[in-house]
Amino acid sequence: MAVPLLDLKAQYASIKEEILKEISEISDSQYFILGPKVEKLEKEVAAYCASNFAVGVTSGSDALIIALMVEGIGPGDEVIIPPFTFFATAGAVVRVGATPVFADIDPVTYNIDSVKVAEKVTPRTKAIIPVHLFGQPADMDPIMEIAKKHNLVVIEDACQAIGSEYKGRRVGSIGDYGCFSFFPSKNLGCFGDGGMVTCNDPEKAKLLKIFRNHGQSGTYMHEYVGGNFRLDALQAGILSVKLPYLDGWSEARQHNAAEYDELFAAAGLDGKVSLPKKAAYPVRHIYNQYCIEVSGGRRDALVAHLREIGIGCAIYYPLSLHLQKCFADLGGKPGDYPVSEAASGRIMALPIYPESTAEQRRSVVDAIAAFLK
């Protein structure tokens, strides 16, 4: 049975009339950039994330950049990040002229290890960017303690984790900023690129709005050199339609993950496949991805086999950031971050989207078991 890694058609079909109505309203209004639809979504996302403010931007990548810009972080400054994450976490730091400093990850959650973070703080450190990878929150309390001790900014990279919770608190409401992506593959995705920055400080929210619009505090009055980070009304309208369904979709992902766990447990793959693990601290994991680890150096062969028979899968992420060519000037070398490097050699993602079926999940597990046994 062919199983796509992601299939958005069923989701769209279930809300098609609402989406088309929203697009028609926006087309009639001729208000395409920022405006009432964006303001409406900002209020909705702020409430959903238990934050005082939310500012719509062009992408999750730009959300990270603009948060760094508002804090004045730039050349000579260091920002601590995990080496096992999507490129944009490090790319945003470099884009503002600062230096990414890597701290290895926890092998259970794949999130940044707070003990390693503490070891990396220097007089040049200005911020920490913990990533809530695959939909599971990083251990925020010790990170916030480190930040308080050293007067550091905490920017939550929650691009894969909207609706996730850490000890009962929504991600994006814990640090100084929360950065979200609405890329189509996310739990809450638009029909293109989109993002959001949350915060609780009214002055920071004001600056975020100024920086996203070329640093303008008034028409053609530029206080800062900002950028074009404005969210468009079409994406905002689509996201407003989708947001009320988000918890249901995330619960479906949780159900699908639990079903995978049961199927793998019955497949007799102990020692060959490791399943996703829950953090020791209380979390709401929303499974943007369901990632397994394959032992014995067989991950790449398994991925190739599954793709050949029509089963979608992906490797998130195949090379730790400290080994990427574009960061060679940072001096990273193999062995520097062993947990991250080990994960990169074994991890792979399976279809987990809400509308996937039990039959599809059984086909995925059966195919993996047949190949590895």
Protein backbone atom coordinates (compact mmCIF):
# COMPACT_ATOMS: atom_id res chain seq x y z
CA MET A 1 0.00 0.00 0.00
CA ALA A 2 1.31 3.44 -0.95
CA VAL A 3 1.37 5.79 2.03
CA PRO A 4 2.34 9.46 1.61
CA LEU A 5 4.45 11.16 4.26
CA LEU A 6 1.90 13.99 4.25
CA ASP A 7 -1.46 14.36 2.54
CA LEU A 8 -3.34 17.63 3.04
CA LYS A 9 -6.23 16.92 0.67
CA ALA A 10 -8.53 15.36 3.26
CA GLN A 11 -7.99 18.22 5.68
CA TYR A 12 -8.74 20.76 2.97
CA ALA A 13 -11.88 18.91 1.88
CA SER A 14 -13.27 19.05 5.42
CA ILE A 15 -13.01 22.87 5.61
CA LYS A 16 -13.13 23.79 1.93
CA GLU A 17 -16.28 25.91 2.10
CA GLU A 18 -14.97 27.93 5.05
CA ILE A 19 -11.65 28.49 3.31
CA LEU A 20 -13.24 29.62 0.04
CA LYS A 21 -15.57 31.98 1.91
CA GLU A 22 -12.59 33.53 3.69
CA ILE A 23 -10.63 33.97 0.46
CA SER A 24 -13.66 35.57 -1.19
CA GLU A 25 -14.07 38.05 1.67
CA ILE A 26 -10.42 39.05 1.48
CA SER A 27 -10.56 39.39 -2.30
CA ASP A 28 -13.58 41.66 -2.01
CA SER A 29 -11.95 43.75 0.72
CA GLN A 30 -8.76 44.31 -1.33
CA TYR A 31 -6.86 44.41 1.98
CA PHE A 32 -4.05 41.96 1.29
CA ILE A 33 -1.12 42.92 3.57
CA LEU A 34 -1.58 43.11 7.35
CA GLY A 35 -4.95 44.69 8.17
CA PRO A 36 -8.03 43.33 9.98
CA LYS A 37 -7.53 39.65 9.13
CA VAL A 38 -3.97 39.66 10.44
CA GLU A 39 -5.01 41.55 13.58
CA LYS A 40 -7.79 39.02 14.18
CA LEU A 41 -5.39 36.09 13.84
CA GLU A 42 -2.86 37.76 16.14
CA LYS A 43 -5.46 38.02 18.90
CA GLU A 44 -6.54 34.41 18.36
CA VAL A 45 -3.00 33.02 18.44
CA ALA A 46 -2.07 35.10 21.48
CA ALA A 47 -5.08 33.69 23.33
CA TYR A 48 -4.37 30.14 22.15
CA CYS A 49 -0.73 30.35 23.25
CA ALA A 50 -1.58 32.04 26.57
CA SER A 51 0.56 35.04 25.61
CA ASN A 52 -0.29 38.71 25.90
CA PHE A 53 0.72 39.55 22.34
CA ALA A 54 1.26 37.91 18.96
CA VAL A 55 2.71 39.55 15.86
CA GLY A 56 2.19 38.01 12.43
CA VAL A 57 5.25 37.68 10.21
CA THR A 58 6.26 36.08 6.93
CA SER A 59 7.65 32.76 8.22
CA GLY A 60 9.01 30.94 11.22
CA SER A 61 12.52 31.68 9.99
CA ASP A 62 11.74 35.40 9.91
CA ALA A 63 10.11 35.13 13.34
CA LEU A 64 13.48 34.09 14.74
CA ILE A 65 15.30 36.84 12.85
CA ILE A 66 12.98 39.62 13.96
CA ALA A 67 13.12 38.55 17.62
CA LEU A 68 16.92 38.74 17.48
CA MET A 69 16.74 42.12 15.72
CA VAL A 70 14.42 43.60 18.33
CA GLU A 71 16.89 42.56 21.03
CA GLY A 72 19.73 44.27 19.17
CA ILE A 73 21.70 41.04 18.90
CA GLY A 74 24.40 41.22 16.24
CA PRO A 75 28.14 41.12 15.53
CA GLY A 76 30.23 40.09 18.52
CA ASP A 77 27.28 38.43 20.26
CA GLU A 78 26.79 34.70 20.83
CA VAL A 79 23.53 32.78 20.82
CA ILE A 80 23.32 29.24 22.23
CA ILE A 81 21.33 26.79 20.10
CA PRO A 82 21.11 23.01 19.56
CA PRO A 83 23.05 21.51 16.64
CA PHE A 84 20.18 19.10 15.90
CA THR A 85 17.41 21.22 14.40
CA PHE A 86 16.24 22.76 11.14
CA PHE A 87 18.77 25.11 9.55
CA ALA A 88 16.76 28.27 10.25
CA THR A 89 17.57 28.24 13.97
CA ALA A 90 21.25 28.76 13.22
CA GLY A 91 20.64 30.67 10.00
CA ALA A 92 18.71 33.39 11.84
CA VAL A 93 21.61 33.94 14.23
CA VAL A 94 24.09 34.29 11.38
CA ARG A 95 21.73 36.54 9.41
CA VAL A 96 21.85 39.17 12.17
CA GLY A 97 25.64 38.93 12.34
CA ALA A 98 25.86 37.01 15.61
CA THR A 99 27.63 33.71 16.25
CA PRO A 100 25.75 30.46 16.89
CA VAL A 101 27.22 28.44 19.75
CA PHE A 102 26.06 24.84 19.83
CA ALA A 103 25.08 22.87 22.94
CA ASP A 104 24.38 19.17 22.52
CA ILE A 105 20.95 17.61 22.88
CA ASP A 106 19.20 15.29 25.31
CA PRO A 107 19.01 11.78 23.75
CA VAL A 108 15.43 11.24 24.93
CA THR A 109 13.73 14.37 23.58
CA TYR A 110 16.29 15.54 20.96
CA ASN A 111 15.99 18.97 22.58
CA ILE A 112 18.83 21.09 23.89
CA ASP A 113 20.42 19.81 27.11
CA SER A 114 20.33 22.51 29.79
CA VAL A 115 23.50 21.14 31.43
CA LYS A 116 25.34 21.65 28.14
CA VAL A 117 23.81 25.12 27.80
CA ALA A 118 25.26 26.18 31.14
CA GLU A 119 28.71 25.07 29.98
CA LYS A 120 28.52 27.28 26.88
CA VAL A 121 27.70 30.63 28.50
CA THR A 122 30.42 33.27 28.05
CA PRO A 123 30.52 37.06 28.54
CA ARG A 124 29.51 37.35 24.87
CA THR A 125 26.37 35.24 25.24
CA LYS A 126 23.21 37.25 24.69
CA ALA A 127 20.47 34.68 24.09
CA ILE A 128 19.42 31.03 24.18
CA ILE A 129 17.15 29.52 21.52
CA PRO A 130 15.69 26.24 22.79
CA VAL A 131 13.90 24.31 20.04
CA HIS A 132 10.77 22.30 20.82
CA LEU A 133 11.67 19.69 18.24
CA PHE A 134 9.07 17.47 16.56
CA GLY A 135 6.35 18.90 18.85
CA GLN A 136 7.86 18.02 22.26
CA PRO A 137 8.92 20.90 24.54
CA ALA A 138 12.46 21.43 25.72
CA ASP A 139 13.05 21.42 29.48
CA MET A 140 12.38 25.12 29.98
CA ASP A 141 12.71 25.63 33.75
CA PRO A 142 16.49 25.10 33.96
CA ILE A 143 16.96 27.08 30.75
CA MET A 144 15.04 30.01 32.23
CA GLU A 145 17.13 29.76 35.40
CA ILE A 146 20.34 29.97 33.36
CA ALA A 147 18.95 32.94 31.46
CA LYS A 148 17.98 34.74 34.66
CA LYS A 149 21.38 34.12 36.22
CA HIS A 150 23.25 35.55 33.22
CA ASN A 151 20.67 38.13 32.05
CA LEU A 152 20.04 36.36 28.75
CA VAL A 153 17.11 36.53 26.35
CA VAL A 154 15.20 33.28 25.72
CA ILE A 155 13.65 32.87 22.28
CA GLU A 156 11.55 29.71 22.03
CA ASP A 157 11.76 28.10 18.60
CA ALA A 158 8.27 26.62 18.65
CA CYS A 159 8.01 26.33 14.88
CA GLN A 160 7.10 22.64 15.14
CA ALA A 161 5.18 22.84 18.39
CA ILE A 162 2.13 25.12 18.42
CA GLY A 163 -0.22 23.85 21.12
CA SER A 164 2.47 21.84 22.87
CA GLU A 165 2.69 22.26 26.64
CA TYR A 166 5.47 22.18 29.22
CA LYS A 167 4.26 21.52 32.76
CA GLY A 168 0.84 22.88 31.80
CA ARG A 169 2.18 26.00 30.09
CA ARG A 170 1.83 26.58 26.38
CA VAL A 171 5.08 26.84 24.46
CA GLY A 172 5.71 30.37 23.29
CA SER A 173 4.50 31.82 26.59
CA ILE A 174 7.49 30.80 28.72
CA GLY A 175 10.50 32.62 27.26
CA ASP A 176 10.81 36.25 26.20
CA TYR A 177 9.60 35.34 22.71
CA GLY A 178 7.92 32.39 21.02
CA CYS A 179 8.50 31.84 17.31
CA PHE A 180 6.02 29.83 15.23
CA SER A 181 5.92 28.58 11.66
CA PHE A 182 2.77 28.06 9.62
CA PHE A 183 4.48 26.20 6.78
CA PRO A 184 1.91 23.84 5.20
CA SER A 185 3.37 20.71 6.83
CA LYS A 186 3.00 22.08 10.37
CA ASN A 187 0.14 21.09 12.68
CA LEU A 188 -1.32 24.51 11.89
CA GLY A 189 -0.32 25.27 8.32
CA CYS A 190 -1.32 27.93 5.82
CA PHE A 191 -1.29 27.83 2.01
CA GLY A 192 2.23 29.21 1.70
CA ASP A 193 4.65 30.69 4.21
CA GLY A 194 3.62 32.39 7.42
CA GLY A 195 4.80 32.84 10.99
CA MET A 196 4.09 34.44 14.34
CA VAL A 197 6.04 35.86 17.27
CA THR A 198 4.48 35.80 20.72
CA CYS A 199 5.59 37.78 23.76
CA ASN A 200 4.24 39.17 27.01
CA ASP A 201 5.96 42.57 27.04
CA PRO A 202 4.00 45.43 25.40
CA GLU A 203 7.18 47.31 24.45
CA LYS A 204 8.63 44.25 22.74
CA ALA A 205 5.35 43.73 20.88
CA LYS A 206 5.42 47.34 19.70
CA LEU A 207 8.99 46.93 18.44
CA LEU A 208 8.15 43.68 16.67
CA LYS A 209 5.45 45.48 14.70
CA ILE A 210 7.85 48.29 13.83
CA PHE A 211 10.66 45.96 12.74
CA ARG A 212 8.38 43.78 10.58
CA ASN A 213 7.46 46.83 8.46
CA HIS A 214 10.88 48.19 7.50
CA GLY A 215 11.37 49.81 10.90
CA GLN A 216 8.54 52.29 10.36
CA SER A 217 6.91 53.92 13.37
CA GLY A 218 4.73 55.97 11.01
CA THR A 219 4.24 56.17 7.27
CA TYR A 220 7.71 56.59 5.74
CA MET A 221 9.12 57.41 9.17
CA HIS A 222 11.87 54.85 9.87
CA GLU A 223 13.27 54.54 13.40
CA TYR A 224 15.16 51.33 12.64
CA VAL A 225 16.43 49.28 9.73
CA GLY A 226 13.82 46.55 9.89
CA GLY A 227 12.64 44.31 7.11
CA ASN A 228 9.67 43.20 5.06
CA PHE A 229 8.33 40.60 7.47
CA ARG A 230 4.60 41.34 7.03
CA LEU A 231 2.09 38.51 7.12
CA ASP A 232 -0.47 38.68 4.30
CA ALA A 233 -4.21 38.66 4.86
CA LEU A 234 -4.90 35.53 2.78
CA GLN A 235 -2.66 33.38 4.96
CA ALA A 236 -4.06 34.97 8.11
CA GLY A 237 -7.62 34.29 7.01
CA ILE A 238 -6.87 30.65 6.22
CA LEU A 239 -5.16 30.19 9.58
CA SER A 240 -8.12 31.72 11.42
CA VAL A 241 -10.35 29.11 9.78
CA LYS A 242 -8.00 26.31 10.78
CA LEU A 243 -7.14 27.32 14.34
CA PRO A 244 -10.38 26.05 15.97
CA TYR A 245 -9.62 22.59 14.54
CA LEU A 246 -6.00 22.49 15.70
CA ASP A 247 -6.48 20.68 19.01
CA GLY A 248 -8.53 17.98 17.31
CA TRP A 249 -5.87 17.50 14.66
CA SER A 250 -3.12 17.32 17.27
CA GLU A 251 -5.12 14.79 19.29
CA ALA A 252 -5.44 12.69 16.13
CA ARG A 253 -1.66 12.79 15.79
CA GLN A 254 -1.33 11.66 19.41
CA HIS A 255 -3.71 8.77 18.69
CA ASN A 256 -1.74 7.82 15.59
CA ALA A 257 1.52 7.90 17.54
CA ALA A 258 0.08 5.62 20.24
CA GLU A 259 -1.10 3.22 17.55
CA TYR A 260 2.36 3.16 15.99
CA ASP A 261 3.81 2.38 19.43
CA GLU A 262 1.49 -0.61 19.78
CA LEU A 263 2.19 -1.90 16.27
CA PHE A 264 5.94 -1.65 16.72
CA ALA A 265 5.75 -3.35 20.13
CA ALA A 266 4.00 -6.30 18.49
CA ALA A 267 6.40 -6.44 15.54
CA GLY A 268 9.35 -7.86 17.46
CA LEU A 269 11.84 -5.17 16.47
CA ASP A 270 13.50 -4.65 19.85
CA GLY A 271 17.13 -3.74 19.34
CA LYS A 272 16.46 -2.78 15.73
CA VAL A 273 14.05 0.13 16.08
CA SER A 274 13.78 2.67 18.91
CA LEU A 275 10.49 4.52 19.29
CA PRO A 276 9.93 8.18 20.25
CA LYS A 277 10.28 8.74 23.98
CA LYS A 278 8.38 11.11 26.24
CA ALA A 279 10.23 13.60 28.39
CA ALA A 280 10.62 12.86 32.11
CA TYR A 281 8.88 16.16 32.87
CA PRO A 282 5.15 16.69 32.13
CA VAL A 283 4.50 17.61 28.48
CA ARG A 284 1.82 17.71 25.86
CA HIS A 285 3.61 16.27 22.81
CA ILE A 286 1.74 17.21 19.61
CA TYR A 287 3.77 15.00 17.22
CA ASN A 288 4.56 17.28 14.34
CA GLN A 289 6.77 14.32 13.46
CA TYR A 290 6.86 10.70 14.58
CA CYS A 291 10.54 9.77 14.47
CA ILE A 292 12.08 6.37 15.04
CA GLU A 293 15.75 5.42 15.26
CA VAL A 294 17.08 2.50 13.22
CA SER A 295 20.05 0.58 14.60
CA GLY A 296 22.84 -1.28 12.85
CA GLY A 297 23.57 1.32 10.21
CA ARG A 298 20.50 0.30 8.19
CA ARG A 299 18.55 3.57 8.30
CA ASP A 300 19.49 4.80 4.82
CA ALA A 301 18.79 1.44 3.21
CA LEU A 302 15.40 1.28 4.94
CA VAL A 303 14.51 4.79 3.77
CA ALA A 304 15.43 3.90 0.19
CA HIS A 305 13.38 0.70 0.37
CA LEU A 306 10.28 2.39 1.76
CA ARG A 307 10.40 5.09 -0.87
CA GLU A 308 10.80 2.46 -3.58
CA ILE A 309 7.59 0.72 -2.49
CA GLY A 310 5.67 4.00 -2.16
CA ILE A 311 5.83 4.62 1.58
CA GLY A 312 6.71 8.19 2.46
CA CYS A 313 9.43 8.86 5.01
CA ALA A 314 12.05 11.51 5.66
CA ILE A 315 15.26 12.10 7.58
CA TYR A 316 15.07 14.97 10.06
CA TYR A 317 18.00 15.78 10.12
CA PRO A 318 20.77 13.97 8.23
CA LEU A 319 23.70 16.19 9.25
CA SER A 320 24.25 18.00 12.53
CA LEU A 321 24.50 21.75 11.98
CA HIS A 322 28.05 22.04 13.29
CA LEU A 323 29.16 19.86 10.35
CA GLN A 324 27.34 21.83 7.66
CA LYS A 325 29.66 23.41 5.10
CA CYS A 326 28.24 26.91 5.61
CA PHE A 327 29.28 26.82 9.28
CA ALA A 328 32.81 25.54 8.67
CA ASP A 329 34.24 28.82 9.97
CA LEU A 330 32.85 27.93 13.42
CA GLY A 331 35.39 25.12 13.62
CA GLY A 332 33.01 22.24 14.26
CA LYS A 333 34.34 18.73 13.72
CA PRO A 334 33.04 15.16 14.02
CA GLY A 335 32.77 14.08 17.63
CA ASP A 336 32.08 17.55 19.04
CA TYR A 337 28.38 16.84 19.68
CA PRO A 338 28.06 13.06 19.91
CA VAL A 339 24.38 12.86 20.83
CA SER A 340 23.36 15.05 17.90
CA GLU A 341 25.64 13.18 15.51
CA ALA A 342 24.31 9.80 16.64
CA ALA A 343 20.71 10.92 16.14
CA SER A 344 21.51 12.21 12.64
CA GLY A 345 22.79 8.77 11.68
CA ARG A 346 19.77 6.80 12.90
CA ILE A 347 16.63 8.94 12.86
CA MET A 348 13.78 8.87 10.34
CA ALA A 349 10.20 10.17 10.28
CA LEU A 350 7.06 8.22 9.40
CA PRO A 351 3.61 9.41 8.23
CA ILE A 352 1.71 10.84 11.21
CA TYR A 353 -0.76 13.33 9.68
CA PRO A 354 -4.20 13.37 11.34
CA GLU A 355 -6.17 11.82 8.49
CA SER A 356 -3.85 8.84 8.00
CA THR A 357 -5.56 5.50 8.60
CA ALA A 358 -4.91 2.50 10.81
CA GLU A 359 -4.49 0.41 7.67
CA GLN A 360 -1.80 2.77 6.42
CA ARG A 361 0.07 2.64 9.73
CA ARG A 362 -0.05 -1.14 9.74
CA SER A 363 1.34 -1.18 6.20
CA VAL A 364 4.20 1.10 7.28
CA VAL A 365 5.14 -1.07 10.27
CA ASP A 366 4.76 -4.31 8.32
CA ALA A 367 7.06 -3.00 5.60
CA ILE A 368 9.69 -1.93 8.14
CA ALA A 369 9.49 -5.27 9.97
CA ALA A 370 9.80 -7.26 6.74
CA PHE A 371 12.90 -5.31 5.73
CA LEU A 372 14.68 -5.40 9.09
CA LYS A 373 13.97 -8.98 10.14
